[in-house]
Amino acid sequence: MSGSAAIEVAAAIIRCGNAILIAQRRENDHLANLWEFPGGKREPGETFEQCLSRELQEELGVTARVGRLVHDVTHSYPERTVRLCFYECELLSGEPKPIHCQDCRWVLPDELRRYKFPPADDELIELLAKP
């Protein structure tokens, strides 16, 4: 049997001044304890934008306006293939808090490389960390 379709994920690039919001994956999740841009898996029938709005509410308790698509990448891990769509987002209400993640924090673009992210995020981190 051939491989299953890629898991589709929407992720947010949320800025506060120069800082960007990142979240830490939970211990029992795939790619446990790694840092990521907040977001999650797209449900059947959802657009990427709807998915991202829902996930930000569930994961961090915030409402955000989903803006333009910044980066679209498909990455194959040994156990699954993931398509990630990263969107610029604007925080509308709420203060990010770790509801469905271990931690969340604001970091400067040049600090992103200090955190361990999944390999699928590498290209985006290079783009964001450029002066």
C-alpha atoms as a PDB file:
ATOM      1  CA  MET A   1       0.000   0.000   0.000  1.00  0.00           C
ATOM      2  CA  SER A   2       1.319   3.465  -0.842  1.00  0.00           C
ATOM      3  CA  GLY A   3       1.914   6.154   1.796  1.00  0.00           C
ATOM      4  CA  SER A   4      -1.047   8.046   3.157  1.00  0.00           C
ATOM      5  CA  ALA A   5      -1.759  11.643   2.209  1.00  0.00           C
ATOM      6  CA  ALA A   6       0.187  14.367   3.941  1.00  0.00           C
ATOM      7  CA  ILE A   7      -1.147  15.710   7.215  1.00  0.00           C
ATOM      8  CA  GLU A   8      -2.039  19.354   6.575  1.00  0.00           C
ATOM      9  CA  VAL A   9      -1.088  21.862   9.251  1.00  0.00           C
ATOM     10  CA  ALA A  10      -1.649  25.616   9.519  1.00  0.00           C
ATOM     11  CA  ALA A  11       0.785  27.598  11.663  1.00  0.00           C
ATOM     12  CA  ALA A  12       0.900  31.239  12.761  1.00  0.00           C
ATOM     13  CA  ILE A  13       3.620  33.832  12.656  1.00  0.00           C
ATOM     14  CA  ILE A  14       2.396  36.256  15.324  1.00  0.00           C
ATOM     15  CA  ARG A  15       4.488  39.324  16.093  1.00  0.00           C
ATOM     16  CA  CYS A  16       4.532  41.685  19.045  1.00  0.00           C
ATOM     17  CA  GLY A  17       6.928  44.485  18.174  1.00  0.00           C
ATOM     18  CA  ASN A  18       9.993  42.610  16.890  1.00  0.00           C
ATOM     19  CA  ALA A  19       9.238  39.406  18.825  1.00  0.00           C
ATOM     20  CA  ILE A  20       7.592  36.279  17.372  1.00  0.00           C
ATOM     21  CA  LEU A  21       5.381  33.895  19.358  1.00  0.00           C
ATOM     22  CA  ILE A  22       6.535  30.266  19.616  1.00  0.00           C
ATOM     23  CA  ALA A  23       4.994  27.329  21.493  1.00  0.00           C
ATOM     24  CA  GLN A  24       6.483  24.141  22.927  1.00  0.00           C
ATOM     25  CA  ARG A  25       4.945  20.805  21.967  1.00  0.00           C
ATOM     26  CA  ARG A  26       3.615  18.596  24.745  1.00  0.00           C
ATOM     27  CA  GLU A  27       5.618  15.632  26.018  1.00  0.00           C
ATOM     28  CA  ASN A  28       3.299  12.971  24.559  1.00  0.00           C
ATOM     29  CA  ASP A  29       2.878  14.655  21.142  1.00  0.00           C
ATOM     30  CA  HIS A  30       4.665  13.770  17.889  1.00  0.00           C
ATOM     31  CA  LEU A  31       8.006  15.649  17.972  1.00  0.00           C
ATOM     32  CA  ALA A  32       7.611  16.014  21.747  1.00  0.00           C
ATOM     33  CA  ASN A  33       9.158  19.013  23.534  1.00  0.00           C
ATOM     34  CA  LEU A  34      10.249  20.734  20.316  1.00  0.00           C
ATOM     35  CA  TRP A  35       9.301  24.367  19.736  1.00  0.00           C
ATOM     36  CA  GLU A  36       6.996  25.377  16.892  1.00  0.00           C
ATOM     37  CA  PHE A  37       4.949  28.180  15.491  1.00  0.00           C
ATOM     38  CA  PRO A  38       1.473  27.794  17.037  1.00  0.00           C
ATOM     39  CA  GLY A  39      -1.199  26.046  15.006  1.00  0.00           C
ATOM     40  CA  GLY A  40      -2.351  22.542  14.245  1.00  0.00           C
ATOM     41  CA  LYS A  41      -3.924  19.964  11.968  1.00  0.00           C
ATOM     42  CA  ARG A  42      -6.575  20.937   9.462  1.00  0.00           C
ATOM     43  CA  GLU A  43      -9.886  19.135   9.959  1.00  0.00           C
ATOM     44  CA  PRO A  44     -11.957  17.869   6.984  1.00  0.00           C
ATOM     45  CA  GLY A  45     -13.946  20.713   5.449  1.00  0.00           C
ATOM     46  CA  GLU A  46     -11.875  23.464   7.092  1.00  0.00           C
ATOM     47  CA  THR A  47      -9.830  26.036   5.203  1.00  0.00           C
ATOM     48  CA  PHE A  48      -6.287  26.603   6.465  1.00  0.00           C
ATOM     49  CA  GLU A  49      -7.427  29.989   7.777  1.00  0.00           C
ATOM     50  CA  GLN A  50     -10.374  28.476   9.713  1.00  0.00           C
ATOM     51  CA  CYS A  51      -8.076  25.805  11.096  1.00  0.00           C
ATOM     52  CA  LEU A  52      -5.586  28.381  12.318  1.00  0.00           C
ATOM     53  CA  SER A  53      -8.239  30.534  13.998  1.00  0.00           C
ATOM     54  CA  ARG A  54      -9.615  27.471  15.823  1.00  0.00           C
ATOM     55  CA  GLU A  55      -6.200  26.129  16.814  1.00  0.00           C
ATOM     56  CA  LEU A  56      -4.986  29.468  18.208  1.00  0.00           C
ATOM     57  CA  GLN A  57      -8.128  29.661  20.359  1.00  0.00           C
ATOM     58  CA  GLU A  58      -7.749  26.040  21.574  1.00  0.00           C
ATOM     59  CA  GLU A  59      -3.966  26.052  22.026  1.00  0.00           C
ATOM     60  CA  LEU A  60      -3.307  29.555  23.389  1.00  0.00           C
ATOM     61  CA  GLY A  61      -6.701  31.119  24.198  1.00  0.00           C
ATOM     62  CA  VAL A  62      -6.273  33.972  21.710  1.00  0.00           C
ATOM     63  CA  THR A  63      -8.247  35.372  18.805  1.00  0.00           C
ATOM     64  CA  ALA A  64      -6.227  36.329  15.747  1.00  0.00           C
ATOM     65  CA  ARG A  65      -6.770  37.657  12.241  1.00  0.00           C
ATOM     66  CA  VAL A  66      -5.187  35.294   9.724  1.00  0.00           C
ATOM     67  CA  GLY A  67      -3.299  37.216   7.053  1.00  0.00           C
ATOM     68  CA  ARG A  68      -1.185  36.252   4.045  1.00  0.00           C
ATOM     69  CA  LEU A  69       0.453  32.897   3.439  1.00  0.00           C
ATOM     70  CA  VAL A  70       4.187  33.355   4.076  1.00  0.00           C
ATOM     71  CA  HIS A  71       5.612  29.869   3.561  1.00  0.00           C
ATOM     72  CA  ASP A  72       4.254  26.509   2.331  1.00  0.00           C
ATOM     73  CA  VAL A  73       6.440  23.420   2.799  1.00  0.00           C
ATOM     74  CA  THR A  74       5.935  19.650   2.650  1.00  0.00           C
ATOM     75  CA  HIS A  75       8.311  17.628   4.818  1.00  0.00           C
ATOM     76  CA  SER A  76       8.621  13.855   5.101  1.00  0.00           C
ATOM     77  CA  TYR A  77       9.425  12.384   8.498  1.00  0.00           C
ATOM     78  CA  PRO A  78      10.029   8.620   8.784  1.00  0.00           C
ATOM     79  CA  GLU A  79       6.549   8.099  10.274  1.00  0.00           C
ATOM     80  CA  ARG A  80       4.500  10.704   8.346  1.00  0.00           C
ATOM     81  CA  THR A  81       4.492  13.459   5.746  1.00  0.00           C
ATOM     82  CA  VAL A  82       3.398  16.921   6.827  1.00  0.00           C
ATOM     83  CA  ARG A  83       2.382  19.914   4.725  1.00  0.00           C
ATOM     84  CA  LEU A  84       2.830  23.131   6.702  1.00  0.00           C
ATOM     85  CA  CYS A  85       1.291  26.449   5.680  1.00  0.00           C
ATOM     86  CA  PHE A  86       2.604  29.401   7.695  1.00  0.00           C
ATOM     87  CA  TYR A  87       0.477  32.568   7.847  1.00  0.00           C
ATOM     88  CA  GLU A  88       1.145  36.061   9.153  1.00  0.00           C
ATOM     89  CA  CYS A  89      -1.386  36.609  11.936  1.00  0.00           C
ATOM     90  CA  GLU A  90      -2.434  39.602  13.985  1.00  0.00           C
ATOM     91  CA  LEU A  91      -3.427  39.120  17.619  1.00  0.00           C
ATOM     92  CA  LEU A  92      -6.914  40.591  18.152  1.00  0.00           C
ATOM     93  CA  SER A  93      -7.696  39.573  21.734  1.00  0.00           C
ATOM     94  CA  GLY A  94      -6.383  37.498  24.600  1.00  0.00           C
ATOM     95  CA  GLU A  95      -2.935  37.029  26.091  1.00  0.00           C
ATOM     96  CA  PRO A  96      -1.245  33.827  24.823  1.00  0.00           C
ATOM     97  CA  LYS A  97      -1.152  31.136  27.508  1.00  0.00           C
ATOM     98  CA  PRO A  98      -0.144  27.466  27.197  1.00  0.00           C
ATOM     99  CA  ILE A  99      -3.498  25.619  27.196  1.00  0.00           C
ATOM    100  CA  HIS A 100      -2.717  22.766  24.769  1.00  0.00           C
ATOM    101  CA  CYS A 101       1.059  23.186  24.707  1.00  0.00           C
ATOM    102  CA  GLN A 102       3.760  23.021  27.393  1.00  0.00           C
ATOM    103  CA  ASP A 103       4.928  26.602  27.112  1.00  0.00           C
ATOM    104  CA  CYS A 104       4.795  29.658  24.885  1.00  0.00           C
ATOM    105  CA  ARG A 105       7.079  32.664  24.667  1.00  0.00           C
ATOM    106  CA  TRP A 106       7.962  35.712  22.621  1.00  0.00           C
ATOM    107  CA  VAL A 107      11.421  35.544  21.038  1.00  0.00           C
ATOM    108  CA  LEU A 108      13.376  37.833  18.737  1.00  0.00           C
ATOM    109  CA  PRO A 109      14.008  36.529  15.186  1.00  0.00           C
ATOM    110  CA  ASP A 110      17.753  36.142  15.806  1.00  0.00           C
ATOM    111  CA  GLU A 111      16.983  34.030  18.911  1.00  0.00           C
ATOM    112  CA  LEU A 112      14.906  31.449  16.994  1.00  0.00           C
ATOM    113  CA  ARG A 113      17.952  29.277  16.225  1.00  0.00           C
ATOM    114  CA  ARG A 114      18.542  28.804  19.985  1.00  0.00           C
ATOM    115  CA  TYR A 115      15.356  26.741  20.204  1.00  0.00           C
ATOM    116  CA  LYS A 116      14.974  23.205  18.859  1.00  0.00           C
ATOM    117  CA  PHE A 117      12.290  23.171  16.124  1.00  0.00           C
ATOM    118  CA  PRO A 118      11.097  20.306  13.893  1.00  0.00           C
ATOM    119  CA  PRO A 119      13.155  20.036  10.667  1.00  0.00           C
ATOM    120  CA  ALA A 120      10.127  21.159   8.607  1.00  0.00           C
ATOM    121  CA  ASP A 121      10.481  24.647  10.154  1.00  0.00           C
ATOM    122  CA  ASP A 122      14.146  25.139   9.160  1.00  0.00           C
ATOM    123  CA  GLU A 123      13.542  27.107   5.943  1.00  0.00           C
ATOM    124  CA  LEU A 124      11.075  29.470   7.607  1.00  0.00           C
ATOM    125  CA  ILE A 125      13.416  30.075  10.548  1.00  0.00           C
ATOM    126  CA  GLU A 126      16.179  30.994   8.100  1.00  0.00           C
ATOM    127  CA  LEU A 127      13.810  33.458   6.386  1.00  0.00           C
ATOM    128  CA  LEU A 128      12.668  35.016   9.682  1.00  0.00           C
ATOM    129  CA  ALA A 129      16.145  35.168  11.236  1.00  0.00           C
ATOM    130  CA  LYS A 130      17.664  37.094   8.310  1.00  0.00           C
ATOM    131  CA  PRO A 131      18.508  40.660   9.350  1.00  0.00           C
END
